[in-house]
Amino acid sequence: MGPTADATTGREAILADLTRIIEEITGDWETGFSGGLQPGTRLIADLGFESIDVVHLVVTLEEHYRRSDLPFDRVLMRDGRYVDDLTLGALADFLHGQLAAAS
């Protein structure tokens, strides 16, 4: 794994990508959320994501990373049920694990 792979799949780089993508998605939303996106920011409770927004985010991430095989069900589901919410940090950890394994 060379420096380019480290730069694109490192957790901080992934968190930066996530922050930018989520800011683009929510740019014209009236969320009432302030303080900037952080690893603890929740998609649903803090940003007002609905299920269709999560689907849009998943598709955007697949396109961004050019991977249609990412097992998002591992981070979106627990014990056969959808999770109530998801933080940016948890999503970054998931992506980091998946992308680093593929490098």
PDB file of N, CA and C in Angstrom:
ATOM      1  N   MET A   1       0.853  -1.174   0.000  1.00  0.00           N
ATOM      2  CA  MET A   1       0.000   0.000   0.000  1.00  0.00           C
ATOM      3  C   MET A   1       0.892   1.228   0.000  1.00  0.00           C
ATOM      4  N   GLY A   2       0.775   2.059  -1.029  1.00  0.00           N
ATOM      5  CA  GLY A   2       1.620   3.230  -1.163  1.00  0.00           C
ATOM      6  C   GLY A   2       1.028   4.446  -0.488  1.00  0.00           C
ATOM      7  N   PRO A   3       1.727   5.573  -0.553  1.00  0.00           N
ATOM      8  CA  PRO A   3       1.253   6.784   0.098  1.00  0.00           C
ATOM      9  C   PRO A   3      -0.050   7.303  -0.481  1.00  0.00           C
ATOM     10  N   THR A   4      -0.286   7.090  -1.774  1.00  0.00           N
ATOM     11  CA  THR A   4      -1.541   7.560  -2.360  1.00  0.00           C
ATOM     12  C   THR A   4      -2.725   6.824  -1.744  1.00  0.00           C
ATOM     13  N   ALA A   5      -2.602   5.518  -1.578  1.00  0.00           N
ATOM     14  CA  ALA A   5      -3.680   4.746  -0.961  1.00  0.00           C
ATOM     15  C   ALA A   5      -3.906   5.202   0.475  1.00  0.00           C
ATOM     16  N   ASP A   6      -2.811   5.437   1.217  1.00  0.00           N
ATOM     17  CA  ASP A   6      -2.947   5.913   2.596  1.00  0.00           C
ATOM     18  C   ASP A   6      -3.666   7.255   2.632  1.00  0.00           C
ATOM     19  N   ALA A   7      -3.334   8.134   1.699  1.00  0.00           N
ATOM     20  CA  ALA A   7      -3.911   9.467   1.693  1.00  0.00           C
ATOM     21  C   ALA A   7      -5.405   9.443   1.396  1.00  0.00           C
ATOM     22  N   THR A   8      -5.848   8.506   0.571  1.00  0.00           N
ATOM     23  CA  THR A   8      -7.256   8.485   0.195  1.00  0.00           C
ATOM     24  C   THR A   8      -8.101   7.599   1.092  1.00  0.00           C
ATOM     25  N   THR A   9      -7.474   6.657   1.803  1.00  0.00           N
ATOM     26  CA  THR A   9      -8.255   5.742   2.625  1.00  0.00           C
ATOM     27  C   THR A   9      -7.995   5.916   4.121  1.00  0.00           C
ATOM     28  N   GLY A  10      -7.165   6.880   4.494  1.00  0.00           N
ATOM     29  CA  GLY A  10      -6.958   7.159   5.908  1.00  0.00           C
ATOM     30  C   GLY A  10      -8.242   7.686   6.530  1.00  0.00           C
ATOM     31  N   ARG A  11      -8.443   7.410   7.804  1.00  0.00           N
ATOM     32  CA  ARG A  11      -9.688   7.799   8.451  1.00  0.00           C
ATOM     33  C   ARG A  11      -9.928   9.307   8.382  1.00  0.00           C
ATOM     34  N   GLU A  12      -8.898  10.103   8.576  1.00  0.00           N
ATOM     35  CA  GLU A  12      -9.073  11.564   8.538  1.00  0.00           C
ATOM     36  C   GLU A  12      -9.474  12.033   7.144  1.00  0.00           C
ATOM     37  N   ALA A  13      -8.881  11.444   6.104  1.00  0.00           N
ATOM     38  CA  ALA A  13      -9.248  11.800   4.727  1.00  0.00           C
ATOM     39  C   ALA A  13     -10.692  11.400   4.446  1.00  0.00           C
ATOM     40  N   ILE A  14     -11.083  10.231   4.932  1.00  0.00           N
ATOM     41  CA  ILE A  14     -12.453   9.766   4.742  1.00  0.00           C
ATOM     42  C   ILE A  14     -13.426  10.675   5.488  1.00  0.00           C
ATOM     43  N   LEU A  15     -13.082  11.064   6.707  1.00  0.00           N
ATOM     44  CA  LEU A  15     -13.939  11.967   7.474  1.00  0.00           C
ATOM     45  C   LEU A  15     -14.070  13.309   6.765  1.00  0.00           C
ATOM     46  N   ALA A  16     -12.997  13.795   6.177  1.00  0.00           N
ATOM     47  CA  ALA A  16     -13.045  15.047   5.416  1.00  0.00           C
ATOM     48  C   ALA A  16     -13.957  14.893   4.198  1.00  0.00           C
ATOM     49  N   ASP A  17     -13.840  13.759   3.489  1.00  0.00           N
ATOM     50  CA  ASP A  17     -14.721  13.494   2.341  1.00  0.00           C
ATOM     51  C   ASP A  17     -16.180  13.463   2.784  1.00  0.00           C
ATOM     52  N   LEU A  18     -16.442  12.739   3.870  1.00  0.00           N
ATOM     53  CA  LEU A  18     -17.804  12.630   4.393  1.00  0.00           C
ATOM     54  C   LEU A  18     -18.372  13.996   4.747  1.00  0.00           C
ATOM     55  N   THR A  19     -17.569  14.796   5.421  1.00  0.00           N
ATOM     56  CA  THR A  19     -18.011  16.128   5.825  1.00  0.00           C
ATOM     57  C   THR A  19     -18.387  16.951   4.603  1.00  0.00           C
ATOM     58  N   ARG A  20     -17.530  16.944   3.583  1.00  0.00           N
ATOM     59  CA  ARG A  20     -17.803  17.710   2.363  1.00  0.00           C
ATOM     60  C   ARG A  20     -19.069  17.209   1.665  1.00  0.00           C
ATOM     61  N   ILE A  21     -19.202  15.890   1.539  1.00  0.00           N
ATOM     62  CA  ILE A  21     -20.365  15.309   0.860  1.00  0.00           C
ATOM     63  C   ILE A  21     -21.650  15.624   1.614  1.00  0.00           C
ATOM     64  N   ILE A  22     -21.622  15.484   2.927  1.00  0.00           N
ATOM     65  CA  ILE A  22     -22.825  15.759   3.721  1.00  0.00           C
ATOM     66  C   ILE A  22     -23.162  17.244   3.698  1.00  0.00           C
ATOM     67  N   GLU A  23     -22.148  18.107   3.691  1.00  0.00           N
ATOM     68  CA  GLU A  23     -22.407  19.541   3.573  1.00  0.00           C
ATOM     69  C   GLU A  23     -23.068  19.859   2.237  1.00  0.00           C
ATOM     70  N   GLU A  24     -22.642  19.172   1.167  1.00  0.00           N
ATOM     71  CA  GLU A  24     -23.262  19.373  -0.149  1.00  0.00           C
ATOM     72  C   GLU A  24     -24.719  18.909  -0.133  1.00  0.00           C
ATOM     73  N   ILE A  25     -24.969  17.755   0.470  1.00  0.00           N
ATOM     74  CA  ILE A  25     -26.331  17.212   0.519  1.00  0.00           C
ATOM     75  C   ILE A  25     -27.258  18.113   1.328  1.00  0.00           C
ATOM     76  N   THR A  26     -26.769  18.601   2.463  1.00  0.00           N
ATOM     77  CA  THR A  26     -27.625  19.353   3.388  1.00  0.00           C
ATOM     78  C   THR A  26     -27.514  20.867   3.218  1.00  0.00           C
ATOM     79  N   GLY A  27     -26.774  21.308   2.225  1.00  0.00           N
ATOM     80  CA  GLY A  27     -26.484  22.730   2.052  1.00  0.00           C
ATOM     81  C   GLY A  27     -27.684  23.650   2.057  1.00  0.00           C
ATOM     82  N   ASP A  28     -28.801  23.218   1.498  1.00  0.00           N
ATOM     83  CA  ASP A  28     -29.972  24.091   1.443  1.00  0.00           C
ATOM     84  C   ASP A  28     -31.077  23.646   2.400  1.00  0.00           C
ATOM     85  N   TRP A  29     -30.740  22.792   3.339  1.00  0.00           N
ATOM     86  CA  TRP A  29     -31.714  22.334   4.335  1.00  0.00           C
ATOM     87  C   TRP A  29     -31.756  23.306   5.509  1.00  0.00           C
ATOM     88  N   GLU A  30     -32.907  23.415   6.123  1.00  0.00           N
ATOM     89  CA  GLU A  30     -33.069  24.183   7.364  1.00  0.00           C
ATOM     90  C   GLU A  30     -33.031  23.193   8.515  1.00  0.00           C
ATOM     91  N   THR A  31     -31.813  22.809   8.937  1.00  0.00           N
ATOM     92  CA  THR A  31     -31.688  21.779   9.961  1.00  0.00           C
ATOM     93  C   THR A  31     -31.719  22.349  11.369  1.00  0.00           C
ATOM     94  N   GLY A  32     -31.353  23.617  11.521  1.00  0.00           N
ATOM     95  CA  GLY A  32     -31.243  24.181  12.857  1.00  0.00           C
ATOM     96  C   GLY A  32     -29.977  23.719  13.559  1.00  0.00           C
ATOM     97  N   PHE A  33     -29.156  22.934  12.861  1.00  0.00           N
ATOM     98  CA  PHE A  33     -27.913  22.410  13.434  1.00  0.00           C
ATOM     99  C   PHE A  33     -26.820  23.451  13.275  1.00  0.00           C
ATOM    100  N   SER A  34     -26.069  23.657  14.353  1.00  0.00           N
ATOM    101  CA  SER A  34     -24.957  24.596  14.266  1.00  0.00           C
ATOM    102  C   SER A  34     -23.728  23.979  14.921  1.00  0.00           C
ATOM    103  N   GLY A  35     -22.585  24.564  14.664  1.00  0.00           N
ATOM    104  CA  GLY A  35     -21.371  24.090  15.302  1.00  0.00           C
ATOM    105  C   GLY A  35     -20.466  23.301  14.387  1.00  0.00           C
ATOM    106  N   GLY A  36     -20.874  23.053  13.181  1.00  0.00           N
ATOM    107  CA  GLY A  36     -20.026  22.316  12.250  1.00  0.00           C
ATOM    108  C   GLY A  36     -20.119  20.812  12.445  1.00  0.00           C
ATOM    109  N   LEU A  37     -19.885  20.099  11.372  1.00  0.00           N
ATOM    110  CA  LEU A  37     -19.953  18.643  11.417  1.00  0.00           C
ATOM    111  C   LEU A  37     -18.747  18.082  12.151  1.00  0.00           C
ATOM    112  N   GLN A  38     -19.000  17.162  13.051  1.00  0.00           N
ATOM    113  CA  GLN A  38     -17.975  16.520  13.868  1.00  0.00           C
ATOM    114  C   GLN A  38     -18.194  15.002  13.808  1.00  0.00           C
ATOM    115  N   PRO A  39     -17.238  14.196  14.263  1.00  0.00           N
ATOM    116  CA  PRO A  39     -17.437  12.747  14.263  1.00  0.00           C
ATOM    117  C   PRO A  39     -18.687  12.308  15.037  1.00  0.00           C
ATOM    118  N   GLY A  40     -19.087  13.055  16.037  1.00  0.00           N
ATOM    119  CA  GLY A  40     -20.265  12.691  16.820  1.00  0.00           C
ATOM    120  C   GLY A  40     -21.582  13.200  16.254  1.00  0.00           C
ATOM    121  N   THR A  41     -21.539  13.931  15.156  1.00  0.00           N
ATOM    122  CA  THR A  41     -22.763  14.449  14.540  1.00  0.00           C
ATOM    123  C   THR A  41     -23.604  13.286  14.031  1.00  0.00           C
ATOM    124  N   ARG A  42     -24.899  13.297  14.408  1.00  0.00           N
ATOM    125  CA  ARG A  42     -25.813  12.221  14.014  1.00  0.00           C
ATOM    126  C   ARG A  42     -26.597  12.627  12.766  1.00  0.00           C
ATOM    127  N   LEU A  43     -26.705  11.693  11.843  1.00  0.00           N
ATOM    128  CA  LEU A  43     -27.386  11.986  10.581  1.00  0.00           C
ATOM    129  C   LEU A  43     -28.855  12.336  10.783  1.00  0.00           C
ATOM    130  N   ILE A  44     -29.544  11.576  11.612  1.00  0.00           N
ATOM    131  CA  ILE A  44     -30.987  11.755  11.762  1.00  0.00           C
ATOM    132  C   ILE A  44     -31.308  12.820  12.807  1.00  0.00           C
ATOM    133  N   ALA A  45     -30.823  12.636  14.020  1.00  0.00           N
ATOM    134  CA  ALA A  45     -31.177  13.541  15.115  1.00  0.00           C
ATOM    135  C   ALA A  45     -30.629  14.953  14.913  1.00  0.00           C
ATOM    136  N   ASP A  46     -29.398  15.060  14.407  1.00  0.00           N
ATOM    137  CA  ASP A  46     -28.792  16.386  14.271  1.00  0.00           C
ATOM    138  C   ASP A  46     -29.056  17.038  12.919  1.00  0.00           C
ATOM    139  N   LEU A  47     -29.004  16.255  11.857  1.00  0.00           N
ATOM    140  CA  LEU A  47     -29.089  16.817  10.509  1.00  0.00           C
ATOM    141  C   LEU A  47     -30.443  16.639   9.843  1.00  0.00           C
ATOM    142  N   GLY A  48     -31.324  15.844  10.446  1.00  0.00           N
ATOM    143  CA  GLY A  48     -32.664  15.673   9.897  1.00  0.00           C
ATOM    144  C   GLY A  48     -32.744  14.731   8.708  1.00  0.00           C
ATOM    145  N   PHE A  49     -31.768  13.843   8.559  1.00  0.00           N
ATOM    146  CA  PHE A  49     -31.821  12.870   7.469  1.00  0.00           C
ATOM    147  C   PHE A  49     -33.072  12.004   7.608  1.00  0.00           C
ATOM    148  N   GLU A  50     -33.641  11.656   6.470  1.00  0.00           N
ATOM    149  CA  GLU A  50     -34.713  10.669   6.412  1.00  0.00           C
ATOM    150  C   GLU A  50     -34.163   9.486   5.615  1.00  0.00           C
ATOM    151  N   SER A  51     -34.916   8.405   5.555  1.00  0.00           N
ATOM    152  CA  SER A  51     -34.394   7.194   4.915  1.00  0.00           C
ATOM    153  C   SER A  51     -33.942   7.445   3.479  1.00  0.00           C
ATOM    154  N   ILE A  52     -34.669   8.243   2.725  1.00  0.00           N
ATOM    155  CA  ILE A  52     -34.285   8.522   1.342  1.00  0.00           C
ATOM    156  C   ILE A  52     -32.968   9.285   1.287  1.00  0.00           C
ATOM    157  N   ASP A  53     -32.700  10.113   2.305  1.00  0.00           N
ATOM    158  CA  ASP A  53     -31.442  10.859   2.360  1.00  0.00           C
ATOM    159  C   ASP A  53     -30.272   9.918   2.637  1.00  0.00           C
ATOM    160  N   VAL A  54     -30.511   8.906   3.466  1.00  0.00           N
ATOM    161  CA  VAL A  54     -29.473   7.911   3.741  1.00  0.00           C
ATOM    162  C   VAL A  54     -29.158   7.145   2.457  1.00  0.00           C
ATOM    163  N   VAL A  55     -30.188   6.792   1.701  1.00  0.00           N
ATOM    164  CA  VAL A  55     -29.988   6.102   0.420  1.00  0.00           C
ATOM    165  C   VAL A  55     -29.167   6.993  -0.517  1.00  0.00           C
ATOM    166  N   HIS A  56     -29.514   8.271  -0.579  1.00  0.00           N
ATOM    167  CA  HIS A  56     -28.782   9.226  -1.422  1.00  0.00           C
ATOM    168  C   HIS A  56     -27.317   9.300  -0.986  1.00  0.00           C
ATOM    169  N   LEU A  57     -27.067   9.335   0.314  1.00  0.00           N
ATOM    170  CA  LEU A  57     -25.704   9.379   0.834  1.00  0.00           C
ATOM    171  C   LEU A  57     -24.934   8.114   0.449  1.00  0.00           C
ATOM    172  N   VAL A  58     -25.561   6.954   0.599  1.00  0.00           N
ATOM    173  CA  VAL A  58     -24.909   5.683   0.254  1.00  0.00           C
ATOM    174  C   VAL A  58     -24.524   5.679  -1.231  1.00  0.00           C
ATOM    175  N   VAL A  59     -25.442   6.080  -2.093  1.00  0.00           N
ATOM    176  CA  VAL A  59     -25.169   6.112  -3.534  1.00  0.00           C
ATOM    177  C   VAL A  59     -24.040   7.099  -3.844  1.00  0.00           C
ATOM    178  N   THR A  60     -24.066   8.258  -3.197  1.00  0.00           N
ATOM    179  CA  THR A  60     -23.022   9.262  -3.402  1.00  0.00           C
ATOM    180  C   THR A  60     -21.660   8.733  -2.961  1.00  0.00           C
ATOM    181  N   LEU A  61     -21.630   8.027  -1.826  1.00  0.00           N
ATOM    182  CA  LEU A  61     -20.370   7.457  -1.341  1.00  0.00           C
ATOM    183  C   LEU A  61     -19.859   6.354  -2.266  1.00  0.00           C
ATOM    184  N   GLU A  62     -20.761   5.524  -2.773  1.00  0.00           N
ATOM    185  CA  GLU A  62     -20.358   4.487  -3.722  1.00  0.00           C
ATOM    186  C   GLU A  62     -19.759   5.113  -4.973  1.00  0.00           C
ATOM    187  N   GLU A  63     -20.363   6.181  -5.453  1.00  0.00           N
ATOM    188  CA  GLU A  63     -19.842   6.863  -6.635  1.00  0.00           C
ATOM    189  C   GLU A  63     -18.508   7.531  -6.330  1.00  0.00           C
ATOM    190  N   HIS A  64     -18.420   8.184  -5.169  1.00  0.00           N
ATOM    191  CA  HIS A  64     -17.194   8.887  -4.797  1.00  0.00           C
ATOM    192  C   HIS A  64     -16.003   7.935  -4.705  1.00  0.00           C
ATOM    193  N   TYR A  65     -16.211   6.799  -4.068  1.00  0.00           N
ATOM    194  CA  TYR A  65     -15.128   5.841  -3.885  1.00  0.00           C
ATOM    195  C   TYR A  65     -15.058   4.802  -5.015  1.00  0.00           C
ATOM    196  N   ARG A  66     -15.961   4.923  -5.982  1.00  0.00           N
ATOM    197  CA  ARG A  66     -16.001   4.005  -7.131  1.00  0.00           C
ATOM    198  C   ARG A  66     -16.071   2.556  -6.690  1.00  0.00           C
ATOM    199  N   ARG A  67     -16.968   2.334  -5.727  1.00  0.00           N
ATOM    200  CA  ARG A  67     -17.164   0.985  -5.166  1.00  0.00           C
ATOM    201  C   ARG A  67     -18.662   0.740  -4.991  1.00  0.00           C
ATOM    202  N   SER A  68     -19.184  -0.232  -5.686  1.00  0.00           N
ATOM    203  CA  SER A  68     -20.601  -0.574  -5.537  1.00  0.00           C
ATOM    204  C   SER A  68     -20.787  -1.801  -4.653  1.00  0.00           C
ATOM    205  N   ASP A  69     -19.679  -2.283  -4.089  1.00  0.00           N
ATOM    206  CA  ASP A  69     -19.730  -3.515  -3.305  1.00  0.00           C
ATOM    207  C   ASP A  69     -19.573  -3.281  -1.803  1.00  0.00           C
ATOM    208  N   LEU A  70     -19.661  -2.047  -1.350  1.00  0.00           N
ATOM    209  CA  LEU A  70     -19.493  -1.762   0.076  1.00  0.00           C
ATOM    210  C   LEU A  70     -20.700  -2.285   0.851  1.00  0.00           C
ATOM    211  N   PRO A  71     -20.473  -3.098   1.866  1.00  0.00           N
ATOM    212  CA  PRO A  71     -21.585  -3.708   2.614  1.00  0.00           C
ATOM    213  C   PRO A  71     -22.182  -2.754   3.660  1.00  0.00           C
ATOM    214  N   PHE A  72     -22.894  -1.736   3.191  1.00  0.00           N
ATOM    215  CA  PHE A  72     -23.450  -0.727   4.089  1.00  0.00           C
ATOM    216  C   PHE A  72     -24.405  -1.320   5.118  1.00  0.00           C
ATOM    217  N   ASP A  73     -24.960  -2.497   4.826  1.00  0.00           N
ATOM    218  CA  ASP A  73     -25.857  -3.117   5.804  1.00  0.00           C
ATOM    219  C   ASP A  73     -25.131  -3.370   7.125  1.00  0.00           C
ATOM    220  N   ARG A  74     -23.816  -3.528   7.087  1.00  0.00           N
ATOM    221  CA  ARG A  74     -23.050  -3.773   8.321  1.00  0.00           C
ATOM    222  C   ARG A  74     -23.069  -2.575   9.265  1.00  0.00           C
ATOM    223  N   VAL A  75     -23.198  -1.380   8.717  1.00  0.00           N
ATOM    224  CA  VAL A  75     -23.218  -0.179   9.556  1.00  0.00           C
ATOM    225  C   VAL A  75     -24.645   0.357   9.739  1.00  0.00           C
ATOM    226  N   LEU A  76     -25.538   0.020   8.830  1.00  0.00           N
ATOM    227  CA  LEU A  76     -26.912   0.523   8.899  1.00  0.00           C
ATOM    228  C   LEU A  76     -27.862  -0.406   9.636  1.00  0.00           C
ATOM    229  N   MET A  77     -27.448  -1.646   9.881  1.00  0.00           N
ATOM    230  CA  MET A  77     -28.326  -2.609  10.539  1.00  0.00           C
ATOM    231  C   MET A  77     -27.630  -3.261  11.725  1.00  0.00           C
ATOM    232  N   ARG A  78     -28.412  -3.561  12.753  1.00  0.00           N
ATOM    233  CA  ARG A  78     -27.947  -4.307  13.928  1.00  0.00           C
ATOM    234  C   ARG A  78     -29.032  -5.318  14.274  1.00  0.00           C
ATOM    235  N   ASP A  79     -28.646  -6.560  14.434  1.00  0.00           N
ATOM    236  CA  ASP A  79     -29.587  -7.615  14.818  1.00  0.00           C
ATOM    237  C   ASP A  79     -30.812  -7.656  13.905  1.00  0.00           C
ATOM    238  N   GLY A  80     -30.581  -7.463  12.600  1.00  0.00           N
ATOM    239  CA  GLY A  80     -31.665  -7.552  11.632  1.00  0.00           C
ATOM    240  C   GLY A  80     -32.578  -6.340  11.557  1.00  0.00           C
ATOM    241  N   ARG A  81     -32.259  -5.280  12.292  1.00  0.00           N
ATOM    242  CA  ARG A  81     -33.081  -4.060  12.277  1.00  0.00           C
ATOM    243  C   ARG A  81     -32.201  -2.868  11.920  1.00  0.00           C
ATOM    244  N   TYR A  82     -32.814  -1.874  11.295  1.00  0.00           N
ATOM    245  CA  TYR A  82     -32.071  -0.661  10.985  1.00  0.00           C
ATOM    246  C   TYR A  82     -31.721   0.074  12.262  1.00  0.00           C
ATOM    247  N   VAL A  83     -30.538   0.665  12.290  1.00  0.00           N
ATOM    248  CA  VAL A  83     -30.119   1.438  13.454  1.00  0.00           C
ATOM    249  C   VAL A  83     -30.970   2.704  13.535  1.00  0.00           C
ATOM    250  N   ASP A  84     -31.121   3.225  14.751  1.00  0.00           N
ATOM    251  CA  ASP A  84     -31.916   4.438  14.942  1.00  0.00           C
ATOM    252  C   ASP A  84     -31.223   5.671  14.379  1.00  0.00           C
ATOM    253  N   ASP A  85     -29.904   5.681  14.425  1.00  0.00           N
ATOM    254  CA  ASP A  85     -29.147   6.827  13.953  1.00  0.00           C
ATOM    255  C   ASP A  85     -27.726   6.383  13.666  1.00  0.00           C
ATOM    256  N   LEU A  86     -26.957   7.241  13.056  1.00  0.00           N
ATOM    257  CA  LEU A  86     -25.588   6.918  12.676  1.00  0.00           C
ATOM    258  C   LEU A  86     -24.771   8.190  12.762  1.00  0.00           C
ATOM    259  N   THR A  87     -23.595   8.106  13.389  1.00  0.00           N
ATOM    260  CA  THR A  87     -22.727   9.274  13.481  1.00  0.00           C
ATOM    261  C   THR A  87     -21.754   9.302  12.309  1.00  0.00           C
ATOM    262  N   LEU A  88     -21.238  10.477  12.028  1.00  0.00           N
ATOM    263  CA  LEU A  88     -20.224  10.595  10.991  1.00  0.00           C
ATOM    264  C   LEU A  88     -19.007   9.754  11.341  1.00  0.00           C
ATOM    265  N   GLY A  89     -18.638   9.719  12.617  1.00  0.00           N
ATOM    266  CA  GLY A  89     -17.486   8.935  13.045  1.00  0.00           C
ATOM    267  C   GLY A  89     -17.670   7.448  12.782  1.00  0.00           C
ATOM    268  N   ALA A  90     -18.854   6.926  13.083  1.00  0.00           N
ATOM    269  CA  ALA A  90     -19.128   5.506  12.844  1.00  0.00           C
ATOM    270  C   ALA A  90     -19.087   5.198  11.348  1.00  0.00           C
ATOM    271  N   LEU A  91     -19.614   6.100  10.554  1.00  0.00           N
ATOM    272  CA  LEU A  91     -19.592   5.905   9.103  1.00  0.00           C
ATOM    273  C   LEU A  91     -18.157   5.991   8.577  1.00  0.00           C
ATOM    274  N   ALA A  92     -17.365   6.908   9.104  1.00  0.00           N
ATOM    275  CA  ALA A  92     -15.962   7.017   8.703  1.00  0.00           C
ATOM    276  C   ALA A  92     -15.191   5.754   9.095  1.00  0.00           C
ATOM    277  N   ASP A  93     -15.445   5.229  10.298  1.00  0.00           N
ATOM    278  CA  ASP A  93     -14.779   4.000  10.732  1.00  0.00           C
ATOM    279  C   ASP A  93     -15.119   2.838   9.802  1.00  0.00           C
ATOM    280  N   PHE A  94     -16.398   2.726   9.451  1.00  0.00           N
ATOM    281  CA  PHE A  94     -16.837   1.670   8.542  1.00  0.00           C
ATOM    282  C   PHE A  94     -16.124   1.792   7.196  1.00  0.00           C
ATOM    283  N   LEU A  95     -16.164   2.998   6.618  1.00  0.00           N
ATOM    284  CA  LEU A  95     -15.539   3.198   5.313  1.00  0.00           C
ATOM    285  C   LEU A  95     -14.034   2.958   5.387  1.00  0.00           C
ATOM    286  N   HIS A  96     -13.410   3.423   6.435  1.00  0.00           N
ATOM    287  CA  HIS A  96     -11.974   3.214   6.595  1.00  0.00           C
ATOM    288  C   HIS A  96     -11.641   1.723   6.611  1.00  0.00           C
ATOM    289  N   GLY A  97     -12.408   0.950   7.371  1.00  0.00           N
ATOM    290  CA  GLY A  97     -12.180  -0.488   7.419  1.00  0.00           C
ATOM    291  C   GLY A  97     -12.379  -1.153   6.074  1.00  0.00           C
ATOM    292  N   GLN A  98     -13.392  -0.745   5.353  1.00  0.00           N
ATOM    293  CA  GLN A  98     -13.684  -1.348   4.053  1.00  0.00           C
ATOM    294  C   GLN A  98     -12.669  -0.935   2.994  1.00  0.00           C
ATOM    295  N   LEU A  99     -12.342   0.335   2.952  1.00  0.00           N
ATOM    296  CA  LEU A  99     -11.449   0.828   1.908  1.00  0.00           C
ATOM    297  C   LEU A  99      -9.998   0.435   2.161  1.00  0.00           C
ATOM    298  N   ALA A 100      -9.602   0.414   3.422  1.00  0.00           N
ATOM    299  CA  ALA A 100      -8.230   0.019   3.750  1.00  0.00           C
ATOM    300  C   ALA A 100      -8.002  -1.464   3.435  1.00  0.00           C
ATOM    301  N   ALA A 101      -9.029  -2.271   3.657  1.00  0.00           N
ATOM    302  CA  ALA A 101      -8.924  -3.711   3.385  1.00  0.00           C
ATOM    303  C   ALA A 101      -8.768  -3.984   1.887  1.00  0.00           C
ATOM    304  N   ALA A 102      -9.326  -3.098   1.072  1.00  0.00           N
ATOM    305  CA  ALA A 102      -9.296  -3.291  -0.384  1.00  0.00           C
ATOM    306  C   ALA A 102      -8.033  -2.735  -1.017  1.00  0.00           C
ATOM    307  N   SER A 103      -7.265  -1.934  -0.264  1.00  0.00           N
ATOM    308  CA  SER A 103      -6.072  -1.280  -0.837  1.00  0.00           C
ATOM    309  C   SER A 103      -4.930  -2.258  -0.991  1.00  0.00           C
TER     310      SER A 103
END
